[in-house]
């Protein structure tokens, strides 16, 4: 009997490993191996065809002494802040409105607000590229001309490039974050809002005193994913600026892509990827530390 039970446990465990193995196999091939190989490649000089040449830390020195790399870091943070913070604020207010009983056809609005997220990113970038065209007949420049403002070179000037790309990011992700916030708000007891209304709380006070404290885990999740997403920004600047990727709008991922697939320098691209990984780890750890400190201070109060 004991032997039979052990055999059944082994068979159950084996069947469980068999059913979950496709995920681990695919992750090992397309996730773990590229990370390990990228770390290995960062110590070699390789153009993708010729034999690899060991160069030690030279690739990291080249990247850290390249002004374009620092421009890509600054651009990534600026575009991330400009596209993420307004996006989260707008998504929070839209979710609050969709969660209230004042709006009719809520399911229709929820579907419409989520459509930008499932729209092809290349299509979005092309459309916004036409909207923010440098020529006077571009949509945004035409609107500005009605107010007698000169046409702006959106893909060449320092701040207009960042405004155009961050607008794309905001438009595409605001619906996704709205749905996340809405799912969290629907778990908040309605009695809390009713009690707040009885006490005379305004809409802003309801959001500040009821919604935000109850949504703290959701807010942490959204901030983490938005931070990582901002650091991985690639398609928008690539489609908007083209393969040239001017320094006004190049991001970290676009920088390492240019090194690898335009300049055929896979070693420096891998070194930039390792540095980007360290930046993500530092920012994620900082976010966790800050949120834990905020949570502890509230518990003490």
C-alpha atoms as a PDB file:
ATOM      1  CA  UNK A   1       0.000   0.000   0.000  1.00  0.00           C
ATOM      2  CA  UNK A   2       2.775   2.389   0.914  1.00  0.00           C
ATOM      3  CA  UNK A   3       4.634   1.604  -2.283  1.00  0.00           C
ATOM      4  CA  UNK A   4       1.442   2.130  -4.308  1.00  0.00           C
ATOM      5  CA  UNK A   5       0.858   5.555  -2.684  1.00  0.00           C
ATOM      6  CA  UNK A   6       4.447   6.603  -3.409  1.00  0.00           C
ATOM      7  CA  UNK A   7       4.061   5.453  -6.998  1.00  0.00           C
ATOM      8  CA  UNK A   8       0.832   7.440  -7.402  1.00  0.00           C
ATOM      9  CA  UNK A   9       2.504  10.553  -5.973  1.00  0.00           C
ATOM     10  CA  UNK A  10       5.414  10.148  -8.381  1.00  0.00           C
ATOM     11  CA  UNK A  11       3.043   9.685 -11.328  1.00  0.00           C
ATOM     12  CA  UNK A  12       1.033  12.769 -10.315  1.00  0.00           C
ATOM     13  CA  UNK A  13       4.197  14.801  -9.911  1.00  0.00           C
ATOM     14  CA  UNK A  14       5.525  13.549 -13.253  1.00  0.00           C
ATOM     15  CA  UNK A  15       2.280  14.361 -15.055  1.00  0.00           C
ATOM     16  CA  UNK A  16       2.351  17.847 -13.519  1.00  0.00           C
ATOM     17  CA  UNK A  17       5.897  18.425 -14.777  1.00  0.00           C
ATOM     18  CA  UNK A  18       4.920  17.152 -18.235  1.00  0.00           C
ATOM     19  CA  UNK A  19       1.942  19.536 -18.486  1.00  0.00           C
ATOM     20  CA  UNK A  20       3.977  22.555 -17.321  1.00  0.00           C
ATOM     21  CA  UNK A  21       7.131  21.687 -19.277  1.00  0.00           C
ATOM     22  CA  UNK A  22       6.147  23.546 -22.513  1.00  0.00           C
ATOM     23  CA  UNK A  23       6.198  26.859 -20.661  1.00  0.00           C
ATOM     24  CA  UNK A  24       9.605  26.207 -19.096  1.00  0.00           C
ATOM     25  CA  UNK A  25      11.048  24.917 -22.376  1.00  0.00           C
ATOM     26  CA  UNK A  26       9.853  27.982 -24.307  1.00  0.00           C
ATOM     27  CA  UNK A  27      11.041  30.293 -21.523  1.00  0.00           C
ATOM     28  CA  UNK A  28      14.467  28.614 -21.515  1.00  0.00           C
ATOM     29  CA  UNK A  29      14.784  29.016 -25.305  1.00  0.00           C
ATOM     30  CA  UNK A  30      13.345  32.510 -25.782  1.00  0.00           C
ATOM     31  CA  UNK A  31      13.889  34.047 -22.327  1.00  0.00           C
ATOM     32  CA  UNK A  32      16.656  32.551 -20.201  1.00  0.00           C
ATOM     33  CA  UNK A  33      19.128  31.655 -22.965  1.00  0.00           C
ATOM     34  CA  UNK A  34      19.029  35.117 -24.644  1.00  0.00           C
ATOM     35  CA  UNK A  35      19.676  36.776 -21.251  1.00  0.00           C
ATOM     36  CA  UNK A  36      22.668  34.532 -20.510  1.00  0.00           C
ATOM     37  CA  UNK A  37      24.010  34.841 -24.055  1.00  0.00           C
ATOM     38  CA  UNK A  38      23.619  38.632 -23.967  1.00  0.00           C
ATOM     39  CA  UNK A  39      25.667  38.779 -20.752  1.00  0.00           C
ATOM     40  CA  UNK A  40      28.298  36.524 -22.364  1.00  0.00           C
ATOM     41  CA  UNK A  41      28.298  38.569 -25.573  1.00  0.00           C
ATOM     42  CA  UNK A  42      28.852  41.849 -23.712  1.00  0.00           C
ATOM     43  CA  UNK A  43      32.504  40.826 -23.192  1.00  0.00           C
ATOM     44  CA  UNK A  44      33.138  40.144 -26.889  1.00  0.00           C
ATOM     45  CA  UNK A  45      33.470  42.114 -30.107  1.00  0.00           C
ATOM     46  CA  UNK A  46      31.143  40.561 -32.687  1.00  0.00           C
ATOM     47  CA  UNK A  47      29.348  41.819 -35.798  1.00  0.00           C
ATOM     48  CA  UNK A  48      27.098  38.768 -36.163  1.00  0.00           C
ATOM     49  CA  UNK A  49      29.171  37.034 -38.851  1.00  0.00           C
ATOM     50  CA  UNK A  50      32.889  37.055 -38.044  1.00  0.00           C
ATOM     51  CA  UNK A  51      34.431  35.101 -35.132  1.00  0.00           C
ATOM     52  CA  UNK A  52      34.008  36.601 -31.664  1.00  0.00           C
ATOM     53  CA  UNK A  53      36.919  38.453 -30.111  1.00  0.00           C
ATOM     54  CA  UNK A  54      37.207  38.730 -26.338  1.00  0.00           C
ATOM     55  CA  UNK A  55      37.591  42.382 -25.286  1.00  0.00           C
ATOM     56  CA  UNK A  56      36.763  42.240 -21.568  1.00  0.00           C
ATOM     57  CA  UNK A  57      35.146  45.417 -20.193  1.00  0.00           C
ATOM     58  CA  UNK A  58      35.869  47.463 -23.326  1.00  0.00           C
ATOM     59  CA  UNK A  59      32.250  47.327 -24.563  1.00  0.00           C
ATOM     60  CA  UNK A  60      31.039  48.778 -21.281  1.00  0.00           C
ATOM     61  CA  UNK A  61      33.674  51.531 -21.522  1.00  0.00           C
ATOM     62  CA  UNK A  62      32.553  52.381 -25.060  1.00  0.00           C
ATOM     63  CA  UNK A  63      28.903  52.598 -24.013  1.00  0.00           C
ATOM     64  CA  UNK A  64      29.603  54.601 -20.844  1.00  0.00           C
ATOM     65  CA  UNK A  65      31.769  57.063 -22.809  1.00  0.00           C
ATOM     66  CA  UNK A  66      29.163  57.528 -25.549  1.00  0.00           C
ATOM     67  CA  UNK A  67      27.151  60.742 -25.285  1.00  0.00           C
ATOM     68  CA  UNK A  68      24.283  59.178 -27.263  1.00  0.00           C
ATOM     69  CA  UNK A  69      23.812  56.578 -24.525  1.00  0.00           C
ATOM     70  CA  UNK A  70      23.346  59.258 -21.877  1.00  0.00           C
ATOM     71  CA  UNK A  71      20.987  61.095 -24.228  1.00  0.00           C
ATOM     72  CA  UNK A  72      18.963  57.879 -24.574  1.00  0.00           C
ATOM     73  CA  UNK A  73      18.724  57.551 -20.778  1.00  0.00           C
ATOM     74  CA  UNK A  74      17.602  61.184 -20.371  1.00  0.00           C
ATOM     75  CA  UNK A  75      15.097  60.847 -23.232  1.00  0.00           C
ATOM     76  CA  UNK A  76      13.701  57.613 -21.779  1.00  0.00           C
ATOM     77  CA  UNK A  77      13.113  59.185 -18.373  1.00  0.00           C
ATOM     78  CA  UNK A  78      11.620  62.403 -19.795  1.00  0.00           C
ATOM     79  CA  UNK A  79       9.285  60.592 -22.197  1.00  0.00           C
ATOM     80  CA  UNK A  80       8.414  58.080 -19.470  1.00  0.00           C
ATOM     81  CA  UNK A  81       7.460  60.826 -17.017  1.00  0.00           C
ATOM     82  CA  UNK A  82       5.561  62.863 -19.630  1.00  0.00           C
ATOM     83  CA  UNK A  83       3.670  59.809 -20.875  1.00  0.00           C
ATOM     84  CA  UNK A  84       3.119  57.930 -17.620  1.00  0.00           C
ATOM     85  CA  UNK A  85       2.108  60.421 -14.914  1.00  0.00           C
ATOM     86  CA  UNK A  86      -0.681  62.173 -16.930  1.00  0.00           C
ATOM     87  CA  UNK A  87      -1.758  58.760 -18.177  1.00  0.00           C
ATOM     88  CA  UNK A  88      -2.247  57.369 -14.656  1.00  0.00           C
ATOM     89  CA  UNK A  89      -4.107  60.475 -13.483  1.00  0.00           C
ATOM     90  CA  UNK A  90      -6.437  60.466 -16.518  1.00  0.00           C
ATOM     91  CA  UNK A  91      -6.989  56.696 -16.224  1.00  0.00           C
ATOM     92  CA  UNK A  92      -7.900  57.067 -12.543  1.00  0.00           C
ATOM     93  CA  UNK A  93     -10.538  59.735 -13.243  1.00  0.00           C
ATOM     94  CA  UNK A  94     -11.990  57.833 -16.230  1.00  0.00           C
ATOM     95  CA  UNK A  95     -12.206  54.646 -14.147  1.00  0.00           C
ATOM     96  CA  UNK A  96     -13.935  56.572 -11.342  1.00  0.00           C
ATOM     97  CA  UNK A  97     -16.447  57.961 -13.854  1.00  0.00           C
ATOM     98  CA  UNK A  98     -17.105  54.537 -15.400  1.00  0.00           C
ATOM     99  CA  UNK A  99     -17.559  53.037 -11.940  1.00  0.00           C
ATOM    100  CA  UNK A 100     -20.187  55.584 -10.967  1.00  0.00           C
ATOM    101  CA  UNK A 101     -23.896  55.198 -11.664  1.00  0.00           C
ATOM    102  CA  UNK A 102     -24.111  58.546 -13.465  1.00  0.00           C
ATOM    103  CA  UNK A 103     -22.875  57.292 -16.846  1.00  0.00           C
ATOM    104  CA  UNK A 104     -25.134  55.200 -19.065  1.00  0.00           C
ATOM    105  CA  UNK A 105     -23.892  52.565 -21.551  1.00  0.00           C
ATOM    106  CA  UNK A 106     -20.905  51.804 -19.336  1.00  0.00           C
ATOM    107  CA  UNK A 107     -19.990  48.596 -21.189  1.00  0.00           C
ATOM    108  CA  UNK A 108     -19.814  50.506 -24.475  1.00  0.00           C
ATOM    109  CA  UNK A 109     -17.521  53.144 -22.992  1.00  0.00           C
ATOM    110  CA  UNK A 110     -15.334  50.463 -21.415  1.00  0.00           C
ATOM    111  CA  UNK A 111     -14.905  48.786 -24.787  1.00  0.00           C
ATOM    112  CA  UNK A 112     -14.127  52.061 -26.547  1.00  0.00           C
ATOM    113  CA  UNK A 113     -11.586  53.146 -23.934  1.00  0.00           C
ATOM    114  CA  UNK A 114      -9.787  49.785 -24.268  1.00  0.00           C
ATOM    115  CA  UNK A 115      -9.617  49.825 -28.087  1.00  0.00           C
ATOM    116  CA  UNK A 116      -6.343  51.833 -28.338  1.00  0.00           C
ATOM    117  CA  UNK A 117      -4.521  49.120 -26.384  1.00  0.00           C
ATOM    118  CA  UNK A 118      -5.462  46.343 -28.835  1.00  0.00           C
ATOM    119  CA  UNK A 119      -4.790  48.522 -31.891  1.00  0.00           C
ATOM    120  CA  UNK A 120      -1.641  47.653 -33.837  1.00  0.00           C
ATOM    121  CA  UNK A 121       1.230  49.679 -32.398  1.00  0.00           C
ATOM    122  CA  UNK A 122       2.737  50.230 -35.840  1.00  0.00           C
ATOM    123  CA  UNK A 123      -0.594  51.625 -37.084  1.00  0.00           C
ATOM    124  CA  UNK A 124      -0.783  53.941 -34.072  1.00  0.00           C
ATOM    125  CA  UNK A 125       2.756  55.198 -34.660  1.00  0.00           C
ATOM    126  CA  UNK A 126       2.073  55.801 -38.367  1.00  0.00           C
ATOM    127  CA  UNK A 127      -1.144  57.717 -37.661  1.00  0.00           C
ATOM    128  CA  UNK A 128       0.528  59.858 -35.013  1.00  0.00           C
ATOM    129  CA  UNK A 129       3.442  60.367 -37.383  1.00  0.00           C
ATOM    130  CA  UNK A 130       0.996  61.889 -39.865  1.00  0.00           C
ATOM    131  CA  UNK A 131      -0.655  63.962 -37.153  1.00  0.00           C
ATOM    132  CA  UNK A 132       2.691  65.332 -35.948  1.00  0.00           C
ATOM    133  CA  UNK A 133       4.048  65.884 -39.446  1.00  0.00           C
ATOM    134  CA  UNK A 134       6.705  68.593 -39.772  1.00  0.00           C
ATOM    135  CA  UNK A 135       4.964  70.212 -42.723  1.00  0.00           C
ATOM    136  CA  UNK A 136       2.302  72.952 -42.377  1.00  0.00           C
ATOM    137  CA  UNK A 137      -0.372  70.539 -43.674  1.00  0.00           C
ATOM    138  CA  UNK A 138       0.185  68.183 -40.709  1.00  0.00           C
ATOM    139  CA  UNK A 139      -2.913  67.917 -38.536  1.00  0.00           C
ATOM    140  CA  UNK A 140      -1.395  69.412 -35.372  1.00  0.00           C
ATOM    141  CA  UNK A 141       0.464  72.115 -37.291  1.00  0.00           C
ATOM    142  CA  UNK A 142      -2.762  72.975 -39.129  1.00  0.00           C
ATOM    143  CA  UNK A 143      -4.599  73.362 -35.798  1.00  0.00           C
ATOM    144  CA  UNK A 144      -1.767  75.564 -34.534  1.00  0.00           C
ATOM    145  CA  UNK A 145      -1.921  77.691 -37.683  1.00  0.00           C
ATOM    146  CA  UNK A 146      -5.526  78.592 -36.802  1.00  0.00           C
ATOM    147  CA  UNK A 147      -4.050  80.343 -33.745  1.00  0.00           C
ATOM    148  CA  UNK A 148      -1.330  81.940 -35.890  1.00  0.00           C
ATOM    149  CA  UNK A 149       1.411  79.715 -34.458  1.00  0.00           C
ATOM    150  CA  UNK A 150       4.281  78.804 -36.792  1.00  0.00           C
ATOM    151  CA  UNK A 151       4.630  75.120 -37.848  1.00  0.00           C
ATOM    152  CA  UNK A 152       6.679  72.988 -35.446  1.00  0.00           C
ATOM    153  CA  UNK A 153       9.255  70.453 -36.615  1.00  0.00           C
ATOM    154  CA  UNK A 154       7.949  67.637 -34.423  1.00  0.00           C
ATOM    155  CA  UNK A 155      10.530  65.010 -35.387  1.00  0.00           C
ATOM    156  CA  UNK A 156      13.586  67.282 -35.146  1.00  0.00           C
ATOM    157  CA  UNK A 157      13.202  69.732 -32.243  1.00  0.00           C
ATOM    158  CA  UNK A 158      14.171  68.627 -28.724  1.00  0.00           C
ATOM    159  CA  UNK A 159      10.886  68.989 -26.815  1.00  0.00           C
ATOM    160  CA  UNK A 160       8.391  68.484 -29.683  1.00  0.00           C
ATOM    161  CA  UNK A 161       9.846  65.001 -30.324  1.00  0.00           C
ATOM    162  CA  UNK A 162       9.259  64.037 -26.707  1.00  0.00           C
ATOM    163  CA  UNK A 163       5.755  65.551 -26.686  1.00  0.00           C
ATOM    164  CA  UNK A 164       4.758  63.584 -29.803  1.00  0.00           C
ATOM    165  CA  UNK A 165       6.111  60.247 -28.540  1.00  0.00           C
ATOM    166  CA  UNK A 166       4.709  60.690 -25.011  1.00  0.00           C
ATOM    167  CA  UNK A 167       1.302  61.529 -26.545  1.00  0.00           C
ATOM    168  CA  UNK A 168       1.393  58.189 -28.383  1.00  0.00           C
ATOM    169  CA  UNK A 169       2.259  56.382 -25.149  1.00  0.00           C
ATOM    170  CA  UNK A 170      -0.512  58.162 -23.237  1.00  0.00           C
ATOM    171  CA  UNK A 171      -3.169  57.485 -25.884  1.00  0.00           C
ATOM    172  CA  UNK A 172      -2.310  53.784 -26.165  1.00  0.00           C
ATOM    173  CA  UNK A 173      -1.965  52.867 -22.474  1.00  0.00           C
ATOM    174  CA  UNK A 174      -4.565  55.039 -20.777  1.00  0.00           C
ATOM    175  CA  UNK A 175      -7.327  52.536 -21.638  1.00  0.00           C
ATOM    176  CA  UNK A 176      -5.383  49.565 -20.280  1.00  0.00           C
ATOM    177  CA  UNK A 177      -4.715  51.294 -16.955  1.00  0.00           C
ATOM    178  CA  UNK A 178      -8.340  52.468 -16.824  1.00  0.00           C
ATOM    179  CA  UNK A 179      -9.543  48.857 -16.961  1.00  0.00           C
ATOM    180  CA  UNK A 180      -7.055  47.864 -14.237  1.00  0.00           C
ATOM    181  CA  UNK A 181      -8.207  50.729 -11.994  1.00  0.00           C
ATOM    182  CA  UNK A 182     -11.846  49.950 -12.755  1.00  0.00           C
ATOM    183  CA  UNK A 183     -11.404  46.314 -11.727  1.00  0.00           C
ATOM    184  CA  UNK A 184      -9.906  47.487  -8.440  1.00  0.00           C
ATOM    185  CA  UNK A 185     -12.657  50.048  -7.833  1.00  0.00           C
ATOM    186  CA  UNK A 186     -15.382  47.453  -8.324  1.00  0.00           C
ATOM    187  CA  UNK A 187     -13.993  45.550  -5.343  1.00  0.00           C
ATOM    188  CA  UNK A 188     -14.398  48.618  -3.084  1.00  0.00           C
ATOM    189  CA  UNK A 189     -17.637  48.420  -1.037  1.00  0.00           C
ATOM    190  CA  UNK A 190     -20.185  50.965  -2.307  1.00  0.00           C
ATOM    191  CA  UNK A 191     -21.171  51.677   1.276  1.00  0.00           C
ATOM    192  CA  UNK A 192     -17.921  53.631   1.688  1.00  0.00           C
ATOM    193  CA  UNK A 193     -18.863  56.000  -1.144  1.00  0.00           C
ATOM    194  CA  UNK A 194     -22.408  56.341   0.172  1.00  0.00           C
ATOM    195  CA  UNK A 195     -21.084  57.198   3.637  1.00  0.00           C
ATOM    196  CA  UNK A 196     -18.708  59.746   2.105  1.00  0.00           C
ATOM    197  CA  UNK A 197     -21.573  61.357   0.174  1.00  0.00           C
ATOM    198  CA  UNK A 198     -23.697  61.540   3.334  1.00  0.00           C
ATOM    199  CA  UNK A 199     -20.805  63.301   5.084  1.00  0.00           C
ATOM    200  CA  UNK A 200     -20.759  65.840   2.248  1.00  0.00           C
ATOM    201  CA  UNK A 201     -17.575  64.667   0.504  1.00  0.00           C
ATOM    202  CA  UNK A 202     -16.991  66.040  -2.982  1.00  0.00           C
ATOM    203  CA  UNK A 203     -15.855  63.860  -5.903  1.00  0.00           C
ATOM    204  CA  UNK A 204     -12.214  64.853  -5.356  1.00  0.00           C
ATOM    205  CA  UNK A 205     -12.510  64.047  -1.637  1.00  0.00           C
ATOM    206  CA  UNK A 206     -14.067  60.668  -2.436  1.00  0.00           C
ATOM    207  CA  UNK A 207     -11.142  59.855  -4.730  1.00  0.00           C
ATOM    208  CA  UNK A 208      -8.553  61.072  -2.213  1.00  0.00           C
ATOM    209  CA  UNK A 209     -10.072  59.584   0.969  1.00  0.00           C
ATOM    210  CA  UNK A 210     -11.773  56.435  -0.307  1.00  0.00           C
ATOM    211  CA  UNK A 211     -10.533  55.392  -3.737  1.00  0.00           C
ATOM    212  CA  UNK A 212      -6.784  55.953  -3.422  1.00  0.00           C
ATOM    213  CA  UNK A 213      -6.298  54.218  -0.025  1.00  0.00           C
ATOM    214  CA  UNK A 214      -8.336  51.208  -1.155  1.00  0.00           C
ATOM    215  CA  UNK A 215      -6.511  51.033  -4.490  1.00  0.00           C
ATOM    216  CA  UNK A 216      -3.006  51.042  -2.997  1.00  0.00           C
ATOM    217  CA  UNK A 217      -2.040  47.487  -4.189  1.00  0.00           C
ATOM    218  CA  UNK A 218      -3.437  48.251  -7.663  1.00  0.00           C
ATOM    219  CA  UNK A 219      -1.557  51.554  -7.766  1.00  0.00           C
ATOM    220  CA  UNK A 220       1.682  49.769  -6.863  1.00  0.00           C
ATOM    221  CA  UNK A 221       1.137  47.248  -9.655  1.00  0.00           C
ATOM    222  CA  UNK A 222       0.325  49.922 -12.244  1.00  0.00           C
ATOM    223  CA  UNK A 223       3.295  52.090 -11.242  1.00  0.00           C
ATOM    224  CA  UNK A 224       5.675  49.113 -11.506  1.00  0.00           C
ATOM    225  CA  UNK A 225       4.391  47.987 -14.906  1.00  0.00           C
ATOM    226  CA  UNK A 226       4.304  51.562 -16.240  1.00  0.00           C
ATOM    227  CA  UNK A 227       7.878  52.182 -15.079  1.00  0.00           C
ATOM    228  CA  UNK A 228       9.170  49.031 -16.749  1.00  0.00           C
ATOM    229  CA  UNK A 229       7.105  49.766 -19.872  1.00  0.00           C
ATOM    230  CA  UNK A 230       8.539  53.297 -20.079  1.00  0.00           C
ATOM    231  CA  UNK A 231      12.090  51.931 -19.883  1.00  0.00           C
ATOM    232  CA  UNK A 232      11.307  49.453 -22.691  1.00  0.00           C
ATOM    233  CA  UNK A 233       9.950  52.121 -25.049  1.00  0.00           C
ATOM    234  CA  UNK A 234      11.044  51.247 -28.585  1.00  0.00           C
ATOM    235  CA  UNK A 235       8.435  50.986 -31.343  1.00  0.00           C
ATOM    236  CA  UNK A 236       7.046  54.528 -31.007  1.00  0.00           C
ATOM    237  CA  UNK A 237      10.370  56.366 -31.462  1.00  0.00           C
ATOM    238  CA  UNK A 238      11.506  53.919 -34.159  1.00  0.00           C
ATOM    239  CA  UNK A 239       8.400  54.391 -36.333  1.00  0.00           C
ATOM    240  CA  UNK A 240       8.151  58.115 -35.631  1.00  0.00           C
ATOM    241  CA  UNK A 241      11.831  58.954 -36.248  1.00  0.00           C
ATOM    242  CA  UNK A 242      12.791  56.189 -38.664  1.00  0.00           C
ATOM    243  CA  UNK A 243      16.040  54.223 -38.677  1.00  0.00           C
ATOM    244  CA  UNK A 244      18.001  57.443 -38.185  1.00  0.00           C
ATOM    245  CA  UNK A 245      16.796  57.736 -34.574  1.00  0.00           C
ATOM    246  CA  UNK A 246      17.893  61.295 -33.857  1.00  0.00           C
ATOM    247  CA  UNK A 247      19.316  61.960 -30.401  1.00  0.00           C
ATOM    248  CA  UNK A 248      16.306  64.124 -29.527  1.00  0.00           C
ATOM    249  CA  UNK A 249      14.085  61.039 -29.311  1.00  0.00           C
ATOM    250  CA  UNK A 250      16.282  57.942 -29.045  1.00  0.00           C
ATOM    251  CA  UNK A 251      15.513  55.688 -26.059  1.00  0.00           C
ATOM    252  CA  UNK A 252      17.652  53.056 -24.316  1.00  0.00           C
ATOM    253  CA  UNK A 253      16.116  50.117 -26.194  1.00  0.00           C
ATOM    254  CA  UNK A 254      16.326  52.025 -29.489  1.00  0.00           C
ATOM    255  CA  UNK A 255      19.990  52.755 -28.736  1.00  0.00           C
ATOM    256  CA  UNK A 256      20.915  49.105 -28.220  1.00  0.00           C
ATOM    257  CA  UNK A 257      18.807  48.116 -31.260  1.00  0.00           C
ATOM    258  CA  UNK A 258      20.706  50.647 -33.392  1.00  0.00           C
ATOM    259  CA  UNK A 259      24.041  49.320 -32.140  1.00  0.00           C
ATOM    260  CA  UNK A 260      23.069  45.720 -32.916  1.00  0.00           C
ATOM    261  CA  UNK A 261      21.089  45.884 -36.170  1.00  0.00           C
ATOM    262  CA  UNK A 262      22.265  49.134 -37.796  1.00  0.00           C
ATOM    263  CA  UNK A 263      25.905  49.394 -36.682  1.00  0.00           C
ATOM    264  CA  UNK A 264      26.364  45.580 -36.364  1.00  0.00           C
ATOM    265  CA  UNK A 265      28.014  45.981 -32.966  1.00  0.00           C
ATOM    266  CA  UNK A 266      26.377  43.236 -30.913  1.00  0.00           C
ATOM    267  CA  UNK A 267      28.934  43.503 -28.121  1.00  0.00           C
ATOM    268  CA  UNK A 268      28.177  47.127 -27.237  1.00  0.00           C
ATOM    269  CA  UNK A 269      24.436  46.468 -27.697  1.00  0.00           C
ATOM    270  CA  UNK A 270      24.641  43.635 -25.165  1.00  0.00           C
ATOM    271  CA  UNK A 271      26.607  45.850 -22.770  1.00  0.00           C
ATOM    272  CA  UNK A 272      23.895  48.522 -23.070  1.00  0.00           C
ATOM    273  CA  UNK A 273      21.250  45.848 -22.393  1.00  0.00           C
ATOM    274  CA  UNK A 274      23.069  44.779 -19.200  1.00  0.00           C
ATOM    275  CA  UNK A 275      23.273  48.399 -18.025  1.00  0.00           C
ATOM    276  CA  UNK A 276      19.561  48.839 -18.789  1.00  0.00           C
ATOM    277  CA  UNK A 277      18.809  45.687 -16.758  1.00  0.00           C
ATOM    278  CA  UNK A 278      20.678  47.147 -13.784  1.00  0.00           C
ATOM    279  CA  UNK A 279      18.751  50.428 -14.132  1.00  0.00           C
ATOM    280  CA  UNK A 280      15.442  48.512 -14.088  1.00  0.00           C
ATOM    281  CA  UNK A 281      16.518  46.579 -10.987  1.00  0.00           C
ATOM    282  CA  UNK A 282      17.525  49.793  -9.190  1.00  0.00           C
ATOM    283  CA  UNK A 283      14.272  51.601 -10.071  1.00  0.00           C
ATOM    284  CA  UNK A 284      12.136  48.595  -9.118  1.00  0.00           C
ATOM    285  CA  UNK A 285      13.933  48.264  -5.790  1.00  0.00           C
ATOM    286  CA  UNK A 286      13.526  51.999  -5.160  1.00  0.00           C
ATOM    287  CA  UNK A 287       9.795  51.774  -5.897  1.00  0.00           C
ATOM    288  CA  UNK A 288       9.396  48.830  -3.522  1.00  0.00           C
ATOM    289  CA  UNK A 289      11.345  50.630  -0.806  1.00  0.00           C
ATOM    290  CA  UNK A 290       9.294  53.822  -1.140  1.00  0.00           C
ATOM    291  CA  UNK A 291       5.950  52.002  -1.156  1.00  0.00           C
ATOM    292  CA  UNK A 292       6.956  49.953   1.900  1.00  0.00           C
ATOM    293  CA  UNK A 293       8.038  53.109   3.732  1.00  0.00           C
ATOM    294  CA  UNK A 294       4.729  54.810   2.884  1.00  0.00           C
ATOM    295  CA  UNK A 295       2.798  51.754   4.055  1.00  0.00           C
ATOM    296  CA  UNK A 296       4.717  51.573   7.347  1.00  0.00           C
ATOM    297  CA  UNK A 297       4.278  55.299   8.061  1.00  0.00           C
ATOM    298  CA  UNK A 298       0.519  54.984   7.559  1.00  0.00           C
ATOM    299  CA  UNK A 299       0.354  51.983   9.891  1.00  0.00           C
ATOM    300  CA  UNK A 300       2.262  53.913  12.568  1.00  0.00           C
ATOM    301  CA  UNK A 301      -0.128  56.858  12.228  1.00  0.00           C
END
